[in-house]
N, C-alpha and C. Protein backbone atom coordinates (compact mmCIF):
# COMPACT_ATOMS: atom_id res chain seq x y z
N MET A 1 -36.77 -10.24 14.28
CA MET A 1 -36.69 -11.30 13.37
C MET A 1 -37.13 -10.86 12.05
N ALA A 2 -38.06 -10.17 11.81
CA ALA A 2 -38.58 -9.70 10.58
C ALA A 2 -37.43 -8.87 9.83
N TRP A 3 -36.74 -7.95 10.62
CA TRP A 3 -35.76 -7.17 10.01
C TRP A 3 -34.54 -7.95 9.45
N ALA A 4 -34.10 -9.03 10.14
CA ALA A 4 -33.09 -9.94 9.64
C ALA A 4 -33.57 -10.58 8.37
N TYR A 5 -34.77 -10.97 8.37
CA TYR A 5 -35.10 -11.68 7.18
C TYR A 5 -35.18 -10.71 5.98
N ALA A 6 -35.57 -9.47 6.22
CA ALA A 6 -35.72 -8.55 5.15
C ALA A 6 -34.41 -8.08 4.64
N GLU A 7 -33.42 -8.12 5.60
CA GLU A 7 -32.00 -7.89 5.09
C GLU A 7 -31.52 -9.08 4.31
N LEU A 8 -31.72 -10.15 4.63
CA LEU A 8 -31.31 -11.37 3.99
C LEU A 8 -31.94 -11.41 2.55
N SER A 9 -33.21 -11.08 2.47
CA SER A 9 -33.87 -11.07 1.29
C SER A 9 -33.29 -10.04 0.34
N LYS A 10 -32.96 -8.79 0.73
CA LYS A 10 -32.34 -7.72 -0.07
C LYS A 10 -31.02 -8.32 -0.56
N GLU A 11 -30.11 -8.87 0.38
CA GLU A 11 -28.90 -9.43 0.08
C GLU A 11 -28.97 -10.48 -1.15
N ALA A 12 -29.93 -11.33 -0.89
CA ALA A 12 -30.10 -12.55 -1.83
C ALA A 12 -30.58 -11.89 -3.21
N ALA A 13 -31.24 -10.84 -3.21
CA ALA A 13 -31.81 -10.23 -4.43
C ALA A 13 -30.61 -9.56 -5.14
N LYS A 14 -29.79 -8.96 -4.35
CA LYS A 14 -28.50 -8.41 -5.02
C LYS A 14 -27.59 -9.45 -5.61
N ARG A 15 -27.50 -10.73 -4.99
CA ARG A 15 -26.57 -11.65 -5.47
C ARG A 15 -27.20 -12.63 -6.58
N GLY A 16 -28.42 -12.45 -6.67
CA GLY A 16 -29.16 -13.33 -7.72
C GLY A 16 -29.90 -14.55 -7.17
N GLY A 17 -30.32 -14.38 -6.05
CA GLY A 17 -31.22 -15.40 -5.30
C GLY A 17 -30.63 -16.17 -4.19
N PRO A 18 -31.38 -16.88 -3.44
CA PRO A 18 -30.88 -17.59 -2.19
C PRO A 18 -29.69 -18.50 -2.52
N VAL A 19 -29.74 -19.22 -3.66
CA VAL A 19 -28.67 -20.05 -3.95
C VAL A 19 -27.38 -19.37 -4.18
N ALA A 20 -27.45 -18.30 -5.05
CA ALA A 20 -26.32 -17.47 -5.28
C ALA A 20 -25.81 -16.91 -3.90
N LEU A 21 -26.55 -16.45 -3.11
CA LEU A 21 -26.13 -15.97 -1.73
C LEU A 21 -25.41 -16.99 -0.99
N ARG A 22 -25.87 -18.20 -0.97
CA ARG A 22 -25.38 -19.33 -0.21
C ARG A 22 -23.95 -19.57 -0.83
N TYR A 23 -23.79 -19.64 -2.16
CA TYR A 23 -22.61 -19.94 -2.85
C TYR A 23 -21.43 -18.83 -2.56
N PHE A 24 -22.09 -17.50 -2.52
CA PHE A 24 -21.22 -16.48 -2.24
C PHE A 24 -20.50 -16.42 -0.79
N TYR A 25 -21.25 -16.82 0.20
CA TYR A 25 -20.79 -16.95 1.58
C TYR A 25 -19.86 -18.21 1.64
N ARG A 26 -20.26 -19.27 0.89
CA ARG A 26 -19.29 -20.43 1.08
C ARG A 26 -17.90 -20.16 0.49
N SER A 27 -18.04 -19.40 -0.71
CA SER A 27 -16.62 -19.10 -1.38
C SER A 27 -15.77 -18.14 -0.52
N GLN A 28 -16.45 -17.21 0.24
CA GLN A 28 -15.76 -16.30 1.18
C GLN A 28 -15.12 -17.22 2.28
N GLY A 29 -15.84 -18.28 2.72
CA GLY A 29 -15.23 -19.20 3.75
C GLY A 29 -14.16 -19.98 3.22
N VAL A 30 -14.16 -20.40 1.91
CA VAL A 30 -12.99 -21.03 1.38
C VAL A 30 -11.84 -20.17 1.36
N ILE A 31 -12.03 -18.80 1.01
CA ILE A 31 -10.95 -17.99 0.79
C ILE A 31 -10.37 -17.67 2.21
N ILE A 32 -11.21 -17.37 3.16
CA ILE A 32 -10.75 -17.21 4.54
C ILE A 32 -9.97 -18.47 5.07
N GLY A 33 -10.48 -19.66 4.82
CA GLY A 33 -9.78 -20.76 5.22
C GLY A 33 -8.47 -21.02 4.56
N GLY A 34 -8.36 -20.57 3.23
CA GLY A 34 -7.04 -20.68 2.60
C GLY A 34 -6.12 -19.75 3.19
N VAL A 35 -6.56 -18.64 3.39
CA VAL A 35 -5.60 -17.61 4.05
C VAL A 35 -5.11 -18.13 5.38
N LEU A 36 -5.98 -18.59 6.28
CA LEU A 36 -5.55 -19.19 7.52
C LEU A 36 -4.59 -20.27 7.32
N THR A 37 -4.94 -21.18 6.48
CA THR A 37 -4.08 -22.35 6.27
C THR A 37 -2.60 -21.98 5.78
N GLY A 38 -2.60 -20.93 4.91
CA GLY A 38 -1.32 -20.40 4.31
C GLY A 38 -0.52 -19.71 5.46
N GLY A 39 -1.19 -19.00 6.26
CA GLY A 39 -0.53 -18.43 7.32
C GLY A 39 0.01 -19.38 8.39
N ALA A 40 -0.64 -20.37 8.60
CA ALA A 40 -0.21 -21.56 9.55
C ALA A 40 1.01 -22.07 8.91
N ILE A 41 0.92 -22.40 7.68
CA ILE A 41 2.19 -23.02 7.00
C ILE A 41 3.38 -22.02 7.06
N ALA A 42 3.11 -20.89 6.66
CA ALA A 42 4.30 -19.90 6.66
C ALA A 42 4.83 -19.78 8.03
N GLY A 43 4.05 -19.72 9.17
CA GLY A 43 4.45 -19.53 10.48
C GLY A 43 5.36 -20.83 10.76
N THR A 44 4.91 -22.00 10.36
CA THR A 44 5.64 -23.06 10.71
C THR A 44 7.03 -23.15 10.01
N VAL A 45 7.10 -22.79 8.83
CA VAL A 45 8.32 -22.74 8.07
C VAL A 45 9.22 -21.71 8.64
N ALA A 46 8.64 -20.64 9.07
CA ALA A 46 9.62 -19.64 9.61
C ALA A 46 10.22 -20.04 10.92
N HIS A 47 9.37 -20.55 11.78
CA HIS A 47 9.80 -21.22 13.01
C HIS A 47 10.93 -22.25 12.73
N ASP A 48 10.74 -23.18 11.88
CA ASP A 48 11.69 -24.04 11.63
C ASP A 48 13.06 -23.45 11.14
N LYS A 49 12.84 -22.62 10.26
CA LYS A 49 14.18 -21.85 9.82
C LYS A 49 14.88 -21.09 11.02
N TRP A 50 14.13 -20.51 11.79
CA TRP A 50 14.71 -19.65 12.94
C TRP A 50 15.36 -20.70 13.96
N SER A 51 14.70 -21.85 14.26
CA SER A 51 15.24 -22.81 15.17
C SER A 51 16.53 -23.37 14.74
N LYS A 52 16.56 -23.74 13.27
CA LYS A 52 17.66 -24.37 12.74
C LYS A 52 18.87 -23.33 12.80
N ARG A 53 18.63 -22.02 12.53
CA ARG A 53 19.61 -21.09 12.56
C ARG A 53 20.21 -20.79 13.96
N ARG A 54 19.25 -20.85 14.97
CA ARG A 54 19.69 -20.74 16.31
C ARG A 54 20.55 -21.88 16.85
N ALA A 55 20.06 -23.12 16.34
CA ALA A 55 20.97 -24.31 16.76
C ALA A 55 22.37 -24.30 16.10
N ALA A 56 22.27 -23.84 14.82
CA ALA A 56 23.70 -23.64 14.08
C ALA A 56 24.62 -22.67 14.87
N ALA A 57 23.90 -21.66 15.22
CA ALA A 57 24.82 -20.62 15.90
C ALA A 57 25.23 -20.99 17.30
N ALA A 58 24.51 -21.94 17.91
CA ALA A 58 24.97 -22.37 19.16
C ALA A 58 26.09 -23.49 19.09
N ALA A 59 26.02 -24.08 17.91
CA ALA A 59 27.10 -25.27 17.62
C ALA A 59 28.48 -24.72 17.25
N GLU A 60 28.44 -23.46 16.75
CA GLU A 60 29.74 -22.88 16.30
C GLU A 60 30.66 -22.71 17.35
N PRO A 61 31.92 -23.21 17.06
CA PRO A 61 32.98 -22.88 18.15
C PRO A 61 33.35 -21.44 18.30
N VAL A 62 33.47 -21.10 19.58
CA VAL A 62 33.76 -19.77 19.95
C VAL A 62 35.26 -19.53 19.73
N GLY A 63 35.59 -18.21 19.01
CA GLY A 63 37.02 -17.90 18.69
C GLY A 63 37.78 -17.58 20.20
N LYS A 64 38.12 -16.48 20.29
CA LYS A 64 38.82 -15.92 21.43
C LYS A 64 37.86 -15.58 22.48
N SER A 65 38.22 -15.89 23.69
CA SER A 65 37.39 -15.58 24.76
C SER A 65 37.48 -14.18 25.19
N THR A 66 36.45 -13.43 25.61
CA THR A 66 36.47 -12.09 25.83
C THR A 66 37.03 -11.97 27.22
N LYS A 67 37.13 -12.91 28.09
CA LYS A 67 37.68 -12.81 29.43
C LYS A 67 39.15 -13.22 29.63
N GLU A 68 39.82 -13.34 28.47
CA GLU A 68 41.28 -13.54 28.58
C GLU A 68 42.00 -12.28 29.15
N ALA A 69 43.02 -12.55 30.08
CA ALA A 69 43.74 -11.55 30.51
C ALA A 69 44.64 -11.06 29.44
N PRO A 70 44.92 -9.64 29.37
CA PRO A 70 45.80 -9.15 28.42
C PRO A 70 47.22 -9.55 28.66
N ALA A 71 48.08 -9.53 27.57
CA ALA A 71 49.44 -9.75 27.73
C ALA A 71 50.07 -8.82 28.51
N ARG A 72 51.30 -9.14 29.01
CA ARG A 72 51.97 -8.02 29.83
C ARG A 72 52.07 -6.75 29.49
N GLY A 73 52.60 -6.62 28.14
CA GLY A 73 52.78 -5.24 27.64
C GLY A 73 51.57 -4.65 26.98
N ASP A 74 50.45 -5.36 26.92
CA ASP A 74 49.20 -4.88 26.15
C ASP A 74 48.28 -4.04 27.20
N ALA A 75 48.52 -4.16 28.49
CA ALA A 75 47.59 -3.51 29.42
C ALA A 75 47.78 -1.96 29.41
N GLN A 76 46.69 -1.23 29.46
CA GLN A 76 46.94 0.11 29.57
C GLN A 76 47.33 0.57 31.02
N GLU A 77 48.24 1.59 31.16
CA GLU A 77 48.68 1.98 32.35
C GLU A 77 47.77 2.88 32.96
N THR A 78 47.41 2.86 34.26
CA THR A 78 46.53 3.63 34.87
C THR A 78 47.54 4.74 35.73
N ARG A 79 47.07 5.87 35.63
CA ARG A 79 47.86 6.96 36.46
C ARG A 79 47.08 7.17 37.69
N HIS A 80 47.71 7.15 38.74
CA HIS A 80 47.13 7.48 40.03
C HIS A 80 47.75 8.85 40.47
N SER A 81 46.99 9.60 41.05
CA SER A 81 47.51 11.01 41.48
C SER A 81 47.80 11.08 42.94
């Protein structure tokens, strides 16, 4: 316990006292909280854009079907030996 108190005392002396140390750690919390909030907002926006793009792609009419049979003269001839 004494070691932790000594470390805190050294840190407080570096920062300019216990009040300055407290404000230093509070400001770090604000910065970290801002980053987390910004990340959450960016993730939500990206998800919304992705889901709208996916829904729009699913709603587009499909052109030619890939399973259509070829016309009579278009089929490749198979040679059997």
